[in-house]
């Protein structure tokens, strides 16, 4: 069994040391069971993110830093990561560890145990929780997830998390257009509409402890609203594609 971790990064130089230290025991644990690689996608960083990563992993052939010449957005970084990932299971996660890297083995195990195609982190699940995240961020994320529950599937509580595990057929079969933070939600919605099975992984969403998020709430909110209107129109007209 091969596992690929895809970690997009944009101007994260302040947290490279913290992130790589947190990843080290997780990578060692995964490699005890699986052939494991990490694909960092440096999305046009203008700081020293890529250089620091290259220094840390210069002797590890299982870690690659794939560069974008300019900042292209989270969705584009995910597509690049998927294109370079060779795993039977592909895990995506935030660089800043707002979902604990230590949960990655459990995320993968749930995928295997439940026999599903996708496992997604779910802080809004009744057994999950949120710690320290600003209220305006929660209002956006929780509100968006509530609308997706109404439009797509009520039993899925969280729709905006990047922290997920996918079986390879999902990323090979499902394409997504978004270049920004809508991408993960677009991928999840299209995968469910295509019949792929999902489980939620109740977990804790924590506030970022270094750097500054690049998410632009107003812009991402507009993108989600437009996508939700597309879903509603497809539902009302019986269209299968979005």
C-alpha atoms as a PDB file:
ATOM      1  CA  UNK A   1       0.000   0.000   0.000  1.00  0.00           C
ATOM      2  CA  UNK A   2       1.369   3.380  -1.043  1.00  0.00           C
ATOM      3  CA  UNK A   3       0.430   6.631   0.700  1.00  0.00           C
ATOM      4  CA  UNK A   4       0.986  10.162  -0.596  1.00  0.00           C
ATOM      5  CA  UNK A   5       0.714  13.253   1.582  1.00  0.00           C
ATOM      6  CA  UNK A   6       0.009  16.455  -0.341  1.00  0.00           C
ATOM      7  CA  UNK A   7       0.770  19.670   1.525  1.00  0.00           C
ATOM      8  CA  UNK A   8       0.314  23.013  -0.267  1.00  0.00           C
ATOM      9  CA  UNK A   9       2.465  25.876   1.009  1.00  0.00           C
ATOM     10  CA  UNK A  10       2.426  29.595   0.323  1.00  0.00           C
ATOM     11  CA  UNK A  11       4.749  31.960   2.209  1.00  0.00           C
ATOM     12  CA  UNK A  12       5.021  29.645   5.210  1.00  0.00           C
ATOM     13  CA  UNK A  13       8.686  30.282   6.073  1.00  0.00           C
ATOM     14  CA  UNK A  14       7.809  31.259   9.629  1.00  0.00           C
ATOM     15  CA  UNK A  15       6.392  27.808  10.335  1.00  0.00           C
ATOM     16  CA  UNK A  16       8.625  25.428   8.356  1.00  0.00           C
ATOM     17  CA  UNK A  17      10.545  24.294  11.420  1.00  0.00           C
ATOM     18  CA  UNK A  18       7.403  23.707  13.480  1.00  0.00           C
ATOM     19  CA  UNK A  19       5.639  21.851  10.687  1.00  0.00           C
ATOM     20  CA  UNK A  20       8.547  19.614   9.710  1.00  0.00           C
ATOM     21  CA  UNK A  21       9.202  18.705  13.343  1.00  0.00           C
ATOM     22  CA  UNK A  22       5.545  17.781  13.826  1.00  0.00           C
ATOM     23  CA  UNK A  23       5.550  15.736  10.623  1.00  0.00           C
ATOM     24  CA  UNK A  24       8.700  13.753  11.457  1.00  0.00           C
ATOM     25  CA  UNK A  25       7.196  11.199  13.894  1.00  0.00           C
ATOM     26  CA  UNK A  26       4.085  10.862  11.724  1.00  0.00           C
ATOM     27  CA  UNK A  27       6.161  10.122   8.630  1.00  0.00           C
ATOM     28  CA  UNK A  28       8.220   7.570  10.546  1.00  0.00           C
ATOM     29  CA  UNK A  29       5.067   5.872  11.821  1.00  0.00           C
ATOM     30  CA  UNK A  30       3.489   5.751   8.379  1.00  0.00           C
ATOM     31  CA  UNK A  31       6.644   4.309   6.829  1.00  0.00           C
ATOM     32  CA  UNK A  32       6.488   1.399   9.254  1.00  0.00           C
ATOM     33  CA  UNK A  33       3.316   0.260   7.459  1.00  0.00           C
ATOM     34  CA  UNK A  34       3.183   1.925   4.053  1.00  0.00           C
ATOM     35  CA  UNK A  35       5.418   3.140   1.279  1.00  0.00           C
ATOM     36  CA  UNK A  36       4.991   6.847   2.031  1.00  0.00           C
ATOM     37  CA  UNK A  37       5.894  10.050   0.215  1.00  0.00           C
ATOM     38  CA  UNK A  38       5.265  13.731   0.842  1.00  0.00           C
ATOM     39  CA  UNK A  39       4.591  16.156  -1.990  1.00  0.00           C
ATOM     40  CA  UNK A  40       4.920  19.775  -0.904  1.00  0.00           C
ATOM     41  CA  UNK A  41       3.523  22.154  -3.507  1.00  0.00           C
ATOM     42  CA  UNK A  42       5.172  25.550  -3.116  1.00  0.00           C
ATOM     43  CA  UNK A  43       2.534  27.803  -4.619  1.00  0.00           C
ATOM     44  CA  UNK A  44       4.714  30.668  -5.778  1.00  0.00           C
ATOM     45  CA  UNK A  45       6.045  31.657  -2.350  1.00  0.00           C
ATOM     46  CA  UNK A  46       8.027  34.882  -2.300  1.00  0.00           C
ATOM     47  CA  UNK A  47       9.819  33.999   0.945  1.00  0.00           C
ATOM     48  CA  UNK A  48      12.195  31.158   1.841  1.00  0.00           C
ATOM     49  CA  UNK A  49       9.588  28.403   2.225  1.00  0.00           C
ATOM     50  CA  UNK A  50      10.891  26.230  -0.620  1.00  0.00           C
ATOM     51  CA  UNK A  51      14.527  26.696   0.285  1.00  0.00           C
ATOM     52  CA  UNK A  52      13.918  25.722   3.903  1.00  0.00           C
ATOM     53  CA  UNK A  53      11.957  22.623   2.903  1.00  0.00           C
ATOM     54  CA  UNK A  54      14.677  21.570   0.483  1.00  0.00           C
ATOM     55  CA  UNK A  55      17.254  21.908   3.246  1.00  0.00           C
ATOM     56  CA  UNK A  56      15.250  19.836   5.736  1.00  0.00           C
ATOM     57  CA  UNK A  57      14.510  17.032   3.271  1.00  0.00           C
ATOM     58  CA  UNK A  58      17.652  17.104   1.133  1.00  0.00           C
ATOM     59  CA  UNK A  59      18.475  13.488   2.066  1.00  0.00           C
ATOM     60  CA  UNK A  60      14.939  12.092   1.844  1.00  0.00           C
ATOM     61  CA  UNK A  61      14.118  10.793  -1.635  1.00  0.00           C
ATOM     62  CA  UNK A  62      10.519  10.273  -0.540  1.00  0.00           C
ATOM     63  CA  UNK A  63       9.874  14.005  -0.149  1.00  0.00           C
ATOM     64  CA  UNK A  64       9.478  16.336  -3.114  1.00  0.00           C
ATOM     65  CA  UNK A  65       8.993  20.085  -3.303  1.00  0.00           C
ATOM     66  CA  UNK A  66       7.102  20.928  -6.489  1.00  0.00           C
ATOM     67  CA  UNK A  67       7.176  24.656  -7.330  1.00  0.00           C
ATOM     68  CA  UNK A  68       4.686  26.977  -8.968  1.00  0.00           C
ATOM     69  CA  UNK A  69       6.423  29.925 -10.593  1.00  0.00           C
ATOM     70  CA  UNK A  70       3.657  32.238  -9.408  1.00  0.00           C
ATOM     71  CA  UNK A  71       0.905  31.973  -6.838  1.00  0.00           C
ATOM     72  CA  UNK A  72      -1.954  30.090  -8.488  1.00  0.00           C
ATOM     73  CA  UNK A  73      -4.193  29.279  -5.528  1.00  0.00           C
ATOM     74  CA  UNK A  74      -5.050  26.289  -3.368  1.00  0.00           C
ATOM     75  CA  UNK A  75      -7.066  24.481  -6.033  1.00  0.00           C
ATOM     76  CA  UNK A  76      -4.231  24.689  -8.538  1.00  0.00           C
ATOM     77  CA  UNK A  77      -1.803  23.466  -5.858  1.00  0.00           C
ATOM     78  CA  UNK A  78      -4.027  20.465  -5.169  1.00  0.00           C
ATOM     79  CA  UNK A  79      -4.191  19.572  -8.857  1.00  0.00           C
ATOM     80  CA  UNK A  80      -0.395  19.775  -9.059  1.00  0.00           C
ATOM     81  CA  UNK A  81      -0.079  17.618  -5.962  1.00  0.00           C
ATOM     82  CA  UNK A  82      -2.475  15.006  -7.318  1.00  0.00           C
ATOM     83  CA  UNK A  83      -0.551  14.924 -10.597  1.00  0.00           C
ATOM     84  CA  UNK A  84       2.693  14.175  -8.745  1.00  0.00           C
ATOM     85  CA  UNK A  85       1.267  11.745  -6.188  1.00  0.00           C
ATOM     86  CA  UNK A  86       1.763   8.025  -6.720  1.00  0.00           C
ATOM     87  CA  UNK A  87      -0.157   6.742  -3.708  1.00  0.00           C
ATOM     88  CA  UNK A  88      -3.054   4.302  -3.582  1.00  0.00           C
ATOM     89  CA  UNK A  89      -4.269   6.575  -0.788  1.00  0.00           C
ATOM     90  CA  UNK A  90      -3.795  10.328  -1.067  1.00  0.00           C
ATOM     91  CA  UNK A  91      -3.998  12.551   2.010  1.00  0.00           C
ATOM     92  CA  UNK A  92      -4.322  16.327   1.763  1.00  0.00           C
ATOM     93  CA  UNK A  93      -3.611  18.565   4.734  1.00  0.00           C
ATOM     94  CA  UNK A  94      -2.937  22.165   5.658  1.00  0.00           C
ATOM     95  CA  UNK A  95       0.672  23.241   6.107  1.00  0.00           C
ATOM     96  CA  UNK A  96      -0.060  24.957   9.402  1.00  0.00           C
ATOM     97  CA  UNK A  97      -1.312  21.867  11.223  1.00  0.00           C
ATOM     98  CA  UNK A  98      -4.687  23.332  12.182  1.00  0.00           C
ATOM     99  CA  UNK A  99      -5.743  19.692  11.925  1.00  0.00           C
ATOM    100  CA  UNK A 100      -3.118  17.735  13.855  1.00  0.00           C
ATOM    101  CA  UNK A 101      -0.683  15.809  11.667  1.00  0.00           C
ATOM    102  CA  UNK A 102      -0.687  13.102  14.348  1.00  0.00           C
ATOM    103  CA  UNK A 103      -4.213  12.177  13.208  1.00  0.00           C
ATOM    104  CA  UNK A 104      -3.080  11.199   9.706  1.00  0.00           C
ATOM    105  CA  UNK A 105      -2.570   7.466  10.522  1.00  0.00           C
ATOM    106  CA  UNK A 106      -6.034   7.330  12.114  1.00  0.00           C
ATOM    107  CA  UNK A 107      -7.548   9.112   9.104  1.00  0.00           C
ATOM    108  CA  UNK A 108      -6.058   6.473   6.802  1.00  0.00           C
ATOM    109  CA  UNK A 109      -7.113   3.632   9.083  1.00  0.00           C
ATOM    110  CA  UNK A 110     -10.704   4.876   9.081  1.00  0.00           C
ATOM    111  CA  UNK A 111     -10.670   4.891   5.276  1.00  0.00           C
ATOM    112  CA  UNK A 112      -9.575   1.240   5.325  1.00  0.00           C
ATOM    113  CA  UNK A 113     -11.844   0.129   8.168  1.00  0.00           C
ATOM    114  CA  UNK A 114     -14.982   1.803   6.816  1.00  0.00           C
ATOM    115  CA  UNK A 115     -14.373   0.624   3.260  1.00  0.00           C
ATOM    116  CA  UNK A 116     -15.178   4.064   1.860  1.00  0.00           C
ATOM    117  CA  UNK A 117     -13.585   6.212  -0.844  1.00  0.00           C
ATOM    118  CA  UNK A 118     -13.122   9.435   1.137  1.00  0.00           C
ATOM    119  CA  UNK A 119     -12.648  10.303   4.787  1.00  0.00           C
ATOM    120  CA  UNK A 120     -12.933  13.981   5.666  1.00  0.00           C
ATOM    121  CA  UNK A 121     -12.108  15.807   8.881  1.00  0.00           C
ATOM    122  CA  UNK A 122     -15.246  17.035  10.610  1.00  0.00           C
ATOM    123  CA  UNK A 123     -14.988  19.513  13.477  1.00  0.00           C
ATOM    124  CA  UNK A 124     -18.709  20.243  13.079  1.00  0.00           C
ATOM    125  CA  UNK A 125     -19.630  16.617  13.686  1.00  0.00           C
ATOM    126  CA  UNK A 126     -21.325  16.141  17.100  1.00  0.00           C
ATOM    127  CA  UNK A 127     -18.138  14.401  18.293  1.00  0.00           C
ATOM    128  CA  UNK A 128     -15.779  17.040  16.863  1.00  0.00           C
ATOM    129  CA  UNK A 129     -14.963  20.516  18.167  1.00  0.00           C
ATOM    130  CA  UNK A 130     -13.261  23.815  17.430  1.00  0.00           C
ATOM    131  CA  UNK A 131     -10.614  25.513  19.586  1.00  0.00           C
ATOM    132  CA  UNK A 132      -9.557  29.143  19.344  1.00  0.00           C
ATOM    133  CA  UNK A 133     -10.740  29.839  15.787  1.00  0.00           C
ATOM    134  CA  UNK A 134     -12.046  33.416  15.332  1.00  0.00           C
ATOM    135  CA  UNK A 135     -15.807  33.760  15.215  1.00  0.00           C
ATOM    136  CA  UNK A 136     -15.882  35.326  11.745  1.00  0.00           C
ATOM    137  CA  UNK A 137     -14.014  32.306  10.346  1.00  0.00           C
ATOM    138  CA  UNK A 138     -16.440  29.923  12.021  1.00  0.00           C
ATOM    139  CA  UNK A 139     -19.430  31.873  10.735  1.00  0.00           C
ATOM    140  CA  UNK A 140     -18.162  31.468   7.180  1.00  0.00           C
ATOM    141  CA  UNK A 141     -17.117  27.814   7.450  1.00  0.00           C
ATOM    142  CA  UNK A 142     -20.047  26.555   9.528  1.00  0.00           C
ATOM    143  CA  UNK A 143     -22.559  28.549   7.485  1.00  0.00           C
ATOM    144  CA  UNK A 144     -21.173  27.237   4.204  1.00  0.00           C
ATOM    145  CA  UNK A 145     -21.223  23.671   5.514  1.00  0.00           C
ATOM    146  CA  UNK A 146     -24.827  24.052   6.651  1.00  0.00           C
ATOM    147  CA  UNK A 147     -25.895  25.116   3.166  1.00  0.00           C
ATOM    148  CA  UNK A 148     -24.059  22.168   1.589  1.00  0.00           C
ATOM    149  CA  UNK A 149     -25.800  19.841   4.040  1.00  0.00           C
ATOM    150  CA  UNK A 150     -29.133  21.187   2.830  1.00  0.00           C
ATOM    151  CA  UNK A 151     -28.182  21.062  -0.845  1.00  0.00           C
ATOM    152  CA  UNK A 152     -26.181  17.841  -1.099  1.00  0.00           C
ATOM    153  CA  UNK A 153     -26.247  15.495   1.912  1.00  0.00           C
ATOM    154  CA  UNK A 154     -27.492  16.249   5.396  1.00  0.00           C
ATOM    155  CA  UNK A 155     -25.415  13.536   7.067  1.00  0.00           C
ATOM    156  CA  UNK A 156     -22.097  15.197   6.186  1.00  0.00           C
ATOM    157  CA  UNK A 157     -21.429  17.935   8.734  1.00  0.00           C
ATOM    158  CA  UNK A 158     -18.229  19.592   7.438  1.00  0.00           C
ATOM    159  CA  UNK A 159     -17.607  20.524   3.788  1.00  0.00           C
ATOM    160  CA  UNK A 160     -14.719  22.980   3.891  1.00  0.00           C
ATOM    161  CA  UNK A 161     -11.896  20.944   5.489  1.00  0.00           C
ATOM    162  CA  UNK A 162      -8.731  20.270   3.497  1.00  0.00           C
ATOM    163  CA  UNK A 163      -7.712  17.449   5.854  1.00  0.00           C
ATOM    164  CA  UNK A 164      -8.884  14.343   3.962  1.00  0.00           C
ATOM    165  CA  UNK A 165      -7.895  10.914   2.738  1.00  0.00           C
ATOM    166  CA  UNK A 166      -8.899   9.758  -0.753  1.00  0.00           C
ATOM    167  CA  UNK A 167      -8.605   6.445  -2.534  1.00  0.00           C
ATOM    168  CA  UNK A 168      -6.850   6.918  -5.833  1.00  0.00           C
ATOM    169  CA  UNK A 169      -9.916   6.288  -8.063  1.00  0.00           C
ATOM    170  CA  UNK A 170     -11.524   9.436  -6.636  1.00  0.00           C
ATOM    171  CA  UNK A 171      -8.749  11.777  -7.729  1.00  0.00           C
ATOM    172  CA  UNK A 172      -8.493  10.046 -11.091  1.00  0.00           C
ATOM    173  CA  UNK A 173     -12.230  10.258 -11.799  1.00  0.00           C
ATOM    174  CA  UNK A 174     -13.219  13.644 -10.369  1.00  0.00           C
ATOM    175  CA  UNK A 175     -12.031  16.917 -11.864  1.00  0.00           C
ATOM    176  CA  UNK A 176     -12.535  20.328 -10.292  1.00  0.00           C
ATOM    177  CA  UNK A 177     -12.231  23.779 -11.795  1.00  0.00           C
ATOM    178  CA  UNK A 178     -11.662  26.044  -8.823  1.00  0.00           C
ATOM    179  CA  UNK A 179      -8.204  27.489  -8.264  1.00  0.00           C
ATOM    180  CA  UNK A 180      -9.005  28.832  -4.805  1.00  0.00           C
ATOM    181  CA  UNK A 181     -10.287  27.622  -1.450  1.00  0.00           C
ATOM    182  CA  UNK A 182     -13.517  26.326  -3.003  1.00  0.00           C
ATOM    183  CA  UNK A 183     -11.565  23.464  -4.574  1.00  0.00           C
ATOM    184  CA  UNK A 184     -11.836  20.941  -1.749  1.00  0.00           C
ATOM    185  CA  UNK A 185     -15.571  21.479  -1.433  1.00  0.00           C
ATOM    186  CA  UNK A 186     -16.066  21.243  -5.191  1.00  0.00           C
ATOM    187  CA  UNK A 187     -14.158  17.965  -5.249  1.00  0.00           C
ATOM    188  CA  UNK A 188     -16.193  16.544  -2.375  1.00  0.00           C
ATOM    189  CA  UNK A 189     -19.550  17.559  -3.833  1.00  0.00           C
ATOM    190  CA  UNK A 190     -18.738  16.134  -7.260  1.00  0.00           C
ATOM    191  CA  UNK A 191     -17.393  12.909  -5.753  1.00  0.00           C
ATOM    192  CA  UNK A 192     -20.581  12.352  -3.751  1.00  0.00           C
ATOM    193  CA  UNK A 193     -22.767  13.125  -6.758  1.00  0.00           C
ATOM    194  CA  UNK A 194     -20.724  10.561  -8.708  1.00  0.00           C
ATOM    195  CA  UNK A 195     -21.497   7.887  -6.121  1.00  0.00           C
ATOM    196  CA  UNK A 196     -18.274   7.693  -4.120  1.00  0.00           C
ATOM    197  CA  UNK A 197     -18.736   6.766  -0.463  1.00  0.00           C
ATOM    198  CA  UNK A 198     -17.645   8.992   2.422  1.00  0.00           C
ATOM    199  CA  UNK A 199     -17.081   8.806   6.169  1.00  0.00           C
ATOM    200  CA  UNK A 200     -16.417  11.676   8.531  1.00  0.00           C
ATOM    201  CA  UNK A 201     -13.518  11.800  10.959  1.00  0.00           C
ATOM    202  CA  UNK A 202     -14.649  13.803  14.004  1.00  0.00           C
ATOM    203  CA  UNK A 203     -11.679  15.884  15.073  1.00  0.00           C
ATOM    204  CA  UNK A 204     -10.498  19.198  16.473  1.00  0.00           C
ATOM    205  CA  UNK A 205      -9.964  22.299  14.339  1.00  0.00           C
ATOM    206  CA  UNK A 206      -7.446  24.581  16.037  1.00  0.00           C
ATOM    207  CA  UNK A 207      -6.364  28.131  15.353  1.00  0.00           C
ATOM    208  CA  UNK A 208      -3.204  28.626  13.290  1.00  0.00           C
ATOM    209  CA  UNK A 209      -0.219  29.156  15.579  1.00  0.00           C
ATOM    210  CA  UNK A 210       2.139  30.838  13.093  1.00  0.00           C
ATOM    211  CA  UNK A 211       1.980  33.023  10.028  1.00  0.00           C
ATOM    212  CA  UNK A 212      -1.193  34.367   8.494  1.00  0.00           C
ATOM    213  CA  UNK A 213      -3.844  32.588   6.480  1.00  0.00           C
ATOM    214  CA  UNK A 214      -4.083  33.614   2.834  1.00  0.00           C
ATOM    215  CA  UNK A 215      -7.831  33.004   2.683  1.00  0.00           C
ATOM    216  CA  UNK A 216      -9.917  36.012   1.630  1.00  0.00           C
ATOM    217  CA  UNK A 217     -13.283  35.521   3.312  1.00  0.00           C
ATOM    218  CA  UNK A 218     -15.361  37.782   1.039  1.00  0.00           C
ATOM    219  CA  UNK A 219     -13.916  36.304  -2.161  1.00  0.00           C
ATOM    220  CA  UNK A 220     -14.296  32.709  -0.976  1.00  0.00           C
ATOM    221  CA  UNK A 221     -17.838  33.367   0.273  1.00  0.00           C
ATOM    222  CA  UNK A 222     -18.832  34.612  -3.190  1.00  0.00           C
ATOM    223  CA  UNK A 223     -17.273  31.540  -4.790  1.00  0.00           C
ATOM    224  CA  UNK A 224     -19.191  29.211  -2.486  1.00  0.00           C
ATOM    225  CA  UNK A 225     -22.472  31.024  -3.083  1.00  0.00           C
ATOM    226  CA  UNK A 226     -22.042  30.777  -6.856  1.00  0.00           C
ATOM    227  CA  UNK A 227     -21.228  27.081  -6.562  1.00  0.00           C
ATOM    228  CA  UNK A 228     -24.227  26.495  -4.302  1.00  0.00           C
ATOM    229  CA  UNK A 229     -26.472  28.139  -6.883  1.00  0.00           C
ATOM    230  CA  UNK A 230     -25.041  25.773  -9.509  1.00  0.00           C
ATOM    231  CA  UNK A 231     -25.857  22.813  -7.270  1.00  0.00           C
ATOM    232  CA  UNK A 232     -29.391  24.103  -6.686  1.00  0.00           C
ATOM    233  CA  UNK A 233     -29.958  24.652 -10.410  1.00  0.00           C
ATOM    234  CA  UNK A 234     -28.618  21.191 -11.252  1.00  0.00           C
ATOM    235  CA  UNK A 235     -30.908  19.673  -8.643  1.00  0.00           C
ATOM    236  CA  UNK A 236     -33.984  21.518  -9.880  1.00  0.00           C
ATOM    237  CA  UNK A 237     -33.308  20.727 -13.552  1.00  0.00           C
ATOM    238  CA  UNK A 238     -32.159  17.146 -13.010  1.00  0.00           C
ATOM    239  CA  UNK A 239     -28.711  17.773 -14.462  1.00  0.00           C
ATOM    240  CA  UNK A 240     -26.026  15.300 -13.444  1.00  0.00           C
ATOM    241  CA  UNK A 241     -23.053  17.574 -14.101  1.00  0.00           C
ATOM    242  CA  UNK A 242     -22.209  20.838 -12.389  1.00  0.00           C
END
